[in-house]
């Protein structure tokens, strides 16, 4: 019921705007400007190159061990302090190693590792929900949001696109 009221209000506002534009004679210039903006956007989107999601290899043995431990158990949250204890170094040292070798913090690296693993799982045909849980997200919606923000498309679209490219 409220949507009908909103629709008629919108229609009335739209008609007033169209009438105003028509009386000023700017319809052609508005359409032209819209076409120009669309052309610019299409051109810019063609130039965008996809940046691959990569997990760099650690040179430091402590960092390599920390990465291995996290990757083996992505569905379990792990603090940097606990991880540092497991690889026999300080939290501060491990934090510095992540920044120095990877150019990112431990949480950023862990998110990238989770996304990377999710991409592999989805490409192999895993469900979005199963992938979300296997990679440690508390909810599927949190996974979908993070994946889309990082990769640029939803996990479902990524999975569907991977299936098409494998068939061709």
Foldseek 3Di string as FASTA:
>chain_A
DVVVVVVVVVVVVVVVVVVVCVVVVCPVVVVVVVVVVVVVVVVVVVPDDFDDLDQDQAPDPLLNVLVVVCLVQQQDDDDLQRSCVVSVHHSVVNQVSCCVVVVDGPVVSLLSSLLVVLLVCLLVPDDLQVSCNRRHHPGSVVVQVSNCVVRVHGSVVSSVVSVVVVVD
